[in-house]
Protein backbone atom coordinates (compact mmCIF):
# COMPACT_ATOMS: atom_id res chain seq x y z
CA UNK A 1 9.08 30.02 -5.33
CA UNK A 2 11.58 27.89 -7.00
CA UNK A 3 9.37 24.18 -8.25
CA UNK A 4 12.96 23.14 -9.48
CA UNK A 5 14.91 24.03 -6.58
CA UNK A 6 15.37 20.48 -4.09
CA UNK A 7 17.69 21.31 -1.84
CA UNK A 8 15.82 21.20 1.04
CA UNK A 9 14.09 17.63 -0.34
CA UNK A 10 14.18 14.84 2.46
CA UNK A 11 17.11 12.11 1.95
CA UNK A 12 16.76 9.21 1.74
CA UNK A 13 16.86 6.90 4.48
CA UNK A 14 19.41 4.69 5.87
CA UNK A 15 18.58 0.61 5.59
CA UNK A 16 19.84 -0.43 9.21
CA UNK A 17 18.81 -4.21 8.71
CA UNK A 18 17.01 -5.84 5.19
CA UNK A 19 14.77 -9.37 6.05
CA UNK A 20 12.99 -11.21 3.25
CA UNK A 21 10.18 -12.09 5.23
CA UNK A 22 8.08 -13.63 1.68
CA UNK A 23 9.85 -14.35 -1.94
CA UNK A 24 7.82 -15.90 -4.78
CA UNK A 25 7.95 -14.64 -7.84
CA UNK A 26 4.90 -12.56 -8.51
CA UNK A 27 4.82 -11.44 -4.67
CA UNK A 28 8.34 -10.36 -2.90
CA UNK A 29 7.81 -9.07 0.62
CA UNK A 30 10.74 -7.22 2.21
CA UNK A 31 11.21 -5.58 5.92
CA UNK A 32 13.90 -2.70 6.33
CA UNK A 33 14.80 -1.46 9.89
CA UNK A 34 15.52 2.81 8.22
CA UNK A 35 16.71 5.29 10.31
CA UNK A 36 15.50 8.72 8.83
CA UNK A 37 18.03 11.70 8.37
CA UNK A 38 15.79 13.64 11.51
CA UNK A 39 17.01 11.07 13.87
CA UNK A 40 13.54 8.84 13.68
CA UNK A 41 14.14 5.53 13.32
CA UNK A 42 11.67 2.60 11.75
CA UNK A 43 12.26 -1.14 12.78
CA UNK A 44 9.48 -2.33 10.77
CA UNK A 45 9.18 -0.71 7.42
CA UNK A 46 7.26 -3.63 4.42
CA UNK A 47 8.10 -3.27 0.91
CA UNK A 48 6.97 -5.42 -2.00
CA UNK A 49 9.67 -5.93 -4.58
CA UNK A 50 8.18 -6.71 -7.93
CA UNK A 51 9.63 -6.50 -11.38
CA UNK A 52 8.78 -3.52 -13.67
CA UNK A 53 5.58 -3.44 -15.85
CA UNK A 54 3.96 -1.51 -18.64
CA UNK A 55 1.82 -0.70 -20.31
CA UNK A 56 0.24 0.13 -23.69
CA UNK A 57 -2.31 2.85 -25.20
CA UNK A 58 -2.09 1.34 -29.11
CA UNK A 59 -3.51 2.93 -31.54
CA UNK A 60 -5.27 1.77 -35.15
CA UNK A 61 -4.31 3.22 -38.13
CA UNK A 62 -8.43 4.14 -38.30
CA UNK A 63 -7.77 6.05 -34.36
CA UNK A 64 -9.55 2.79 -32.92
CA UNK A 65 -7.80 2.35 -29.33
CA UNK A 66 -7.41 -1.05 -28.52
CA UNK A 67 -8.15 -2.19 -24.75
CA UNK A 68 -9.46 -5.28 -23.48
CA UNK A 69 -11.58 -6.44 -20.89
CA UNK A 70 -10.63 -8.75 -18.15
CA UNK A 71 -11.79 -10.00 -14.59
CA UNK A 72 -9.73 -9.43 -12.25
CA UNK A 73 -9.91 -11.70 -9.27
CA UNK A 74 -9.36 -9.00 -6.08
CA UNK A 75 -11.97 -7.11 -7.03
CA UNK A 76 -14.34 -9.01 -9.13
CA UNK A 77 -14.73 -7.52 -11.38
CA UNK A 78 -14.78 -8.05 -15.45
CA UNK A 79 -13.55 -3.65 -16.55
CA UNK A 80 -11.77 -2.20 -19.10
CA UNK A 81 -8.07 -3.06 -19.43
CA UNK A 82 -5.02 -1.65 -21.38
CA UNK A 83 -2.70 -4.04 -22.58
CA UNK A 84 -0.44 -4.32 -19.82
CA UNK A 85 2.52 -7.41 -18.63
CA UNK A 86 5.88 -7.45 -16.46
CA UNK A 87 9.34 -7.09 -17.86
CA UNK A 88 10.98 -10.15 -18.39
CA UNK A 89 14.51 -10.50 -16.82
CA UNK A 90 16.71 -9.05 -19.83
CA UNK A 91 14.58 -7.60 -21.24
CA UNK A 92 13.69 -3.31 -21.99
CA UNK A 93 10.84 -1.96 -21.03
CA UNK A 94 9.64 -0.88 -24.70
CA UNK A 95 10.56 -4.65 -25.97
CA UNK A 96 8.34 -5.78 -22.98
CA UNK A 97 5.66 -3.87 -24.27
CA UNK A 98 5.62 -4.60 -28.22
CA UNK A 99 5.65 -8.06 -27.43
CA UNK A 100 3.48 -7.67 -24.19
CA UNK A 101 0.40 -6.10 -27.07
CA UNK A 102 1.42 -8.98 -29.73
CA UNK A 103 0.73 -11.60 -27.24
CA UNK A 104 -2.75 -9.91 -26.20
CA UNK A 105 -4.51 -7.93 -28.97
CA UNK A 106 -2.63 -9.36 -31.94
CA UNK A 107 -2.24 -6.13 -32.50
CA UNK A 108 1.28 -4.75 -33.69
CA UNK A 109 3.63 -2.36 -35.58
CA UNK A 110 2.89 1.55 -35.24
CA UNK A 111 5.57 4.04 -34.21
CA UNK A 112 6.29 4.10 -30.67
CA UNK A 113 6.92 6.42 -27.67
CA UNK A 114 7.64 6.54 -24.02
CA UNK A 115 4.11 8.53 -22.72
CA UNK A 116 4.62 8.35 -19.13
CA UNK A 117 6.58 6.46 -16.33
CA UNK A 118 4.55 6.00 -12.83
CA UNK A 119 4.58 3.93 -10.03
CA UNK A 120 1.67 1.65 -7.77
CA UNK A 121 2.72 3.24 -4.55
CA UNK A 122 6.37 4.53 -4.47
CA UNK A 123 5.97 4.76 -0.39
CA UNK A 124 5.81 0.77 -0.59
CA UNK A 125 6.37 -0.49 -4.36
CA UNK A 126 10.23 -0.98 -5.75
CA UNK A 127 8.92 -0.72 -9.25
CA UNK A 128 7.86 1.22 -12.19
CA UNK A 129 5.11 1.23 -14.99
CA UNK A 130 6.53 2.67 -17.91
CA UNK A 131 3.13 3.40 -20.25
CA UNK A 132 3.96 3.10 -24.08
CA UNK A 133 1.89 5.33 -26.58
CA UNK A 134 2.10 3.29 -30.24
CA UNK A 135 0.04 5.16 -32.90
CA UNK A 136 -1.31 3.49 -35.67
CA UNK A 137 -1.02 -0.51 -34.55
CA UNK A 138 -2.27 -3.07 -37.21
CA UNK A 139 -3.46 -6.56 -36.25
CA UNK A 140 -0.88 -9.13 -37.39
CA UNK A 141 -2.00 -12.09 -35.61
CA UNK A 142 -4.63 -13.32 -33.44
CA UNK A 143 -3.89 -12.77 -29.52
CA UNK A 144 -1.51 -15.58 -28.21
CA UNK A 145 -2.52 -15.89 -24.94
CA UNK A 146 -1.37 -18.10 -21.43
CA UNK A 147 -3.51 -20.57 -19.92
CA UNK A 148 -4.52 -17.96 -16.81
CA UNK A 149 -5.24 -15.28 -19.13
CA UNK A 150 -9.34 -14.52 -20.21
CA UNK A 151 -8.97 -11.65 -22.17
CA UNK A 152 -11.50 -10.36 -25.03
CA UNK A 153 -10.29 -7.06 -26.98
CA UNK A 154 -12.51 -4.49 -28.00
CA UNK A 155 -11.78 -1.80 -30.27
CA UNK A 156 -12.48 1.86 -28.97
CA UNK A 157 -13.29 5.64 -30.63
CA UNK A 158 -11.54 8.77 -28.98
CA UNK A 159 -15.59 9.97 -28.49
CA UNK A 160 -16.15 6.85 -26.93
CA UNK A 161 -13.47 6.91 -24.22
CA UNK A 162 -14.25 9.57 -21.61
CA UNK A 163 -17.63 7.88 -20.99
CA UNK A 164 -15.86 4.48 -20.10
CA UNK A 165 -13.37 6.64 -18.11
CA UNK A 166 -16.21 8.67 -16.21
CA UNK A 167 -18.49 5.89 -16.02
CA UNK A 168 -16.26 3.31 -14.27
CA UNK A 169 -15.43 0.90 -16.77
CA UNK A 170 -11.51 1.81 -15.88
CA UNK A 171 -10.57 1.16 -13.20
CA UNK A 172 -7.03 0.58 -12.89
CA UNK A 173 -4.82 3.41 -12.09
CA UNK A 174 -2.11 2.94 -14.36
CA UNK A 175 -4.13 2.98 -17.17
CA UNK A 176 -6.11 5.73 -16.11
CA UNK A 177 -3.69 8.12 -16.21
CA UNK A 178 -2.09 7.25 -19.68
CA UNK A 179 -5.81 6.60 -21.13
CA UNK A 180 -6.14 10.43 -19.47
CA UNK A 181 -3.58 11.55 -21.27
CA UNK A 182 -4.07 10.45 -24.14
CA UNK A 183 -7.66 12.00 -24.35
CA UNK A 184 -5.95 15.12 -23.10
CA UNK A 185 -3.24 15.17 -26.23
CA UNK A 186 -5.92 14.47 -28.60
CA UNK A 187 -8.11 17.02 -27.55
CA UNK A 188 -5.48 18.89 -27.19
CA UNK A 189 -4.82 18.70 -31.10
CA UNK A 190 -8.70 18.56 -32.13
CA UNK A 191 -9.05 21.94 -30.00
CA UNK A 192 -6.33 23.54 -31.53
């Protein structure tokens, strides 16, 4: 079996009609009428349009992860998270990640690279989440939070990360995935 052969992949659907049902800065809902390549027809396929998102696995020069604790009204709980946010119009994802880390945590600098690109739900969401790894960050200023943000910053040792993840302390799946990837990368390096 050749995993790289895509010749039998399904083809993109044909959009026959598209209407915006609701359009606000933080939530845009679009209804499409789509035709599948096999002849099937879906008259009401709903899609959520969002700007692209970023998050940052930030690690200090001392090897501590910079995590946040934040209340999330949807689930009415406080949990650990990564620094995260939206990519503003005209902004590149890396620029947004650097900006958000400095604003939300006061940390900056270091060496940055793209860790992974994810979709919250590729069936209904139009955007992507760009997860960055920032190594060697340092405190540069106090956080500069918006009135809609109530965040506490926590430095977490690598050995504390897996118990947080296993213990249900990180609930955001788009944050769990890059944290697990970082933990696996570090664990593999230490095992060599």
